[in-house]
Structures are given as structure tokens and as C-alpha cells.
């Protein structure tokens, strides 16, 4: 697991996926961009959020950052990164 920026009390009531997002934000706030991305790479990002990221940053950006795409693949098809939606 990446370096944690949260204390145990902050982690207590978070789902696993929420923990990844909150840890990522905490690492980013601390100026640790590498760790922020490591946490985000663990998260299940909603399909609509990944589609928005693709439209703004491009498919290669998603690939380069190693984001999980399973939810988007289920919603839009396995080839969603390589075609217009």
C-alpha cells in the first residue's frame, strides 16, 4: 500500500474505495503527487468520471496514469478508450 496520510480515526468509517480517494486527496494536499496517483490507481472510479477524464485529457492520459477502467468497460464496452462515445 502507498504511504498513508490519514490517521486511524480518519480511516475508520470509510469504505475501501472512499479510503483510496481520501488518501489520494490527502497526499496531493501534502504535495506528494506520486503517492496521490498511487492511491488513485487503487480506486474504482465511476464510469462517467472516467469518460469525462477521457474527454478532457484523452485516452492515453488514463492509460499513463494506470487508472482502473473495469467500470467504464462494463458501461461502455471493452474498447471504450479507443472509440468515440
C-alpha atoms as a PDB file:
ATOM      1  CA  UNK A   1       0.000   0.000   0.000  1.00  0.00           C
ATOM      2  CA  UNK A   2       1.123   3.558  -0.646  1.00  0.00           C
ATOM      3  CA  UNK A   3       2.172   5.861   2.164  1.00  0.00           C
ATOM      4  CA  UNK A   4      -0.789   6.886   4.309  1.00  0.00           C
ATOM      5  CA  UNK A   5      -1.516  10.494   5.178  1.00  0.00           C
ATOM      6  CA  UNK A   6      -4.573   9.731   7.319  1.00  0.00           C
ATOM      7  CA  UNK A   7      -4.762   8.822  10.975  1.00  0.00           C
ATOM      8  CA  UNK A   8      -6.696   5.763  12.101  1.00  0.00           C
ATOM      9  CA  UNK A   9      -9.728   7.790  13.179  1.00  0.00           C
ATOM     10  CA  UNK A  10      -9.973   9.400   9.738  1.00  0.00           C
ATOM     11  CA  UNK A  11      -9.906   5.934   8.139  1.00  0.00           C
ATOM     12  CA  UNK A  12     -12.422   4.307  10.450  1.00  0.00           C
ATOM     13  CA  UNK A  13     -15.738   4.993   8.714  1.00  0.00           C
ATOM     14  CA  UNK A  14     -14.610   4.984   5.096  1.00  0.00           C
ATOM     15  CA  UNK A  15     -15.366   2.295   2.547  1.00  0.00           C
ATOM     16  CA  UNK A  16     -12.302   0.848   0.858  1.00  0.00           C
ATOM     17  CA  UNK A  17     -12.894   2.848  -2.298  1.00  0.00           C
ATOM     18  CA  UNK A  18     -13.559   6.070  -0.387  1.00  0.00           C
ATOM     19  CA  UNK A  19     -10.368   5.480   1.585  1.00  0.00           C
ATOM     20  CA  UNK A  20      -8.369   5.381  -1.651  1.00  0.00           C
ATOM     21  CA  UNK A  21      -9.877   8.669  -2.826  1.00  0.00           C
ATOM     22  CA  UNK A  22      -9.425  10.432   0.515  1.00  0.00           C
ATOM     23  CA  UNK A  23      -5.840   9.166   0.853  1.00  0.00           C
ATOM     24  CA  UNK A  24      -5.143  10.408  -2.670  1.00  0.00           C
ATOM     25  CA  UNK A  25      -6.503  13.847  -1.829  1.00  0.00           C
ATOM     26  CA  UNK A  26      -4.519  13.958   1.424  1.00  0.00           C
ATOM     27  CA  UNK A  27      -1.299  13.008  -0.368  1.00  0.00           C
ATOM     28  CA  UNK A  28      -1.951  15.649  -3.021  1.00  0.00           C
ATOM     29  CA  UNK A  29      -2.594  18.275  -0.332  1.00  0.00           C
ATOM     30  CA  UNK A  30       0.729  17.290   1.272  1.00  0.00           C
ATOM     31  CA  UNK A  31       2.466  17.864  -2.061  1.00  0.00           C
ATOM     32  CA  UNK A  32       3.145  14.168  -2.673  1.00  0.00           C
ATOM     33  CA  UNK A  33       1.807  13.759  -6.208  1.00  0.00           C
ATOM     34  CA  UNK A  34       3.370  10.330  -6.746  1.00  0.00           C
ATOM     35  CA  UNK A  35       1.622   8.871  -3.709  1.00  0.00           C
ATOM     36  CA  UNK A  36      -1.620  10.616  -4.654  1.00  0.00           C
ATOM     37  CA  UNK A  37      -1.571   8.809  -8.001  1.00  0.00           C
ATOM     38  CA  UNK A  38      -0.672   5.502  -6.336  1.00  0.00           C
ATOM     39  CA  UNK A  39      -3.790   5.768  -4.161  1.00  0.00           C
ATOM     40  CA  UNK A  40      -5.961   6.815  -7.096  1.00  0.00           C
ATOM     41  CA  UNK A  41      -4.747   3.823  -9.104  1.00  0.00           C
ATOM     42  CA  UNK A  42      -6.329   1.567  -6.472  1.00  0.00           C
ATOM     43  CA  UNK A  43      -9.748   3.228  -6.670  1.00  0.00           C
ATOM     44  CA  UNK A  44     -12.748   2.046  -8.652  1.00  0.00           C
ATOM     45  CA  UNK A  45     -13.531   5.266 -10.491  1.00  0.00           C
ATOM     46  CA  UNK A  46     -17.128   5.582 -11.728  1.00  0.00           C
ATOM     47  CA  UNK A  47     -17.603   5.085 -15.458  1.00  0.00           C
ATOM     48  CA  UNK A  48     -18.963   8.596 -16.026  1.00  0.00           C
ATOM     49  CA  UNK A  49     -15.947  10.136 -14.273  1.00  0.00           C
ATOM     50  CA  UNK A  50     -13.531   8.163 -16.454  1.00  0.00           C
ATOM     51  CA  UNK A  51     -15.462   9.167 -19.564  1.00  0.00           C
ATOM     52  CA  UNK A  52     -15.177  12.809 -18.527  1.00  0.00           C
ATOM     53  CA  UNK A  53     -11.444  12.349 -17.887  1.00  0.00           C
ATOM     54  CA  UNK A  54     -11.063  10.814 -21.344  1.00  0.00           C
ATOM     55  CA  UNK A  55     -12.870  13.733 -22.970  1.00  0.00           C
ATOM     56  CA  UNK A  56     -10.743  16.304 -21.144  1.00  0.00           C
ATOM     57  CA  UNK A  57      -7.344  14.564 -21.035  1.00  0.00           C
ATOM     58  CA  UNK A  58      -7.507  11.807 -23.638  1.00  0.00           C
ATOM     59  CA  UNK A  59      -7.321   8.031 -23.530  1.00  0.00           C
ATOM     60  CA  UNK A  60      -3.535   7.950 -23.209  1.00  0.00           C
ATOM     61  CA  UNK A  61      -3.715  10.030 -20.042  1.00  0.00           C
ATOM     62  CA  UNK A  62      -5.894   7.364 -18.428  1.00  0.00           C
ATOM     63  CA  UNK A  63      -3.530   4.634 -19.570  1.00  0.00           C
ATOM     64  CA  UNK A  64      -0.405   6.540 -18.493  1.00  0.00           C
ATOM     65  CA  UNK A  65      -1.820   7.073 -15.012  1.00  0.00           C
ATOM     66  CA  UNK A  66      -2.775   3.405 -14.620  1.00  0.00           C
ATOM     67  CA  UNK A  67      -6.374   4.073 -13.650  1.00  0.00           C
ATOM     68  CA  UNK A  68      -8.706   1.107 -13.285  1.00  0.00           C
ATOM     69  CA  UNK A  69     -11.158   1.027 -16.168  1.00  0.00           C
ATOM     70  CA  UNK A  70     -13.314  -2.006 -15.373  1.00  0.00           C
ATOM     71  CA  UNK A  71     -16.411   0.039 -14.500  1.00  0.00           C
ATOM     72  CA  UNK A  72     -16.140   2.032 -17.721  1.00  0.00           C
ATOM     73  CA  UNK A  73     -15.566  -1.160 -19.711  1.00  0.00           C
ATOM     74  CA  UNK A  74     -18.745  -2.643 -18.245  1.00  0.00           C
ATOM     75  CA  UNK A  75     -20.706   0.501 -19.086  1.00  0.00           C
ATOM     76  CA  UNK A  76     -19.269   1.394 -22.492  1.00  0.00           C
ATOM     77  CA  UNK A  77     -17.590  -1.765 -23.792  1.00  0.00           C
ATOM     78  CA  UNK A  78     -14.025  -3.070 -23.635  1.00  0.00           C
ATOM     79  CA  UNK A  79     -12.876  -0.747 -26.428  1.00  0.00           C
ATOM     80  CA  UNK A  80     -14.313   2.460 -24.950  1.00  0.00           C
ATOM     81  CA  UNK A  81     -10.891   4.128 -24.704  1.00  0.00           C
ATOM     82  CA  UNK A  82     -10.249   3.632 -28.414  1.00  0.00           C
ATOM     83  CA  UNK A  83     -13.523   4.940 -29.839  1.00  0.00           C
ATOM     84  CA  UNK A  84     -15.809   7.951 -29.641  1.00  0.00           C
ATOM     85  CA  UNK A  85     -18.603   7.748 -27.105  1.00  0.00           C
END
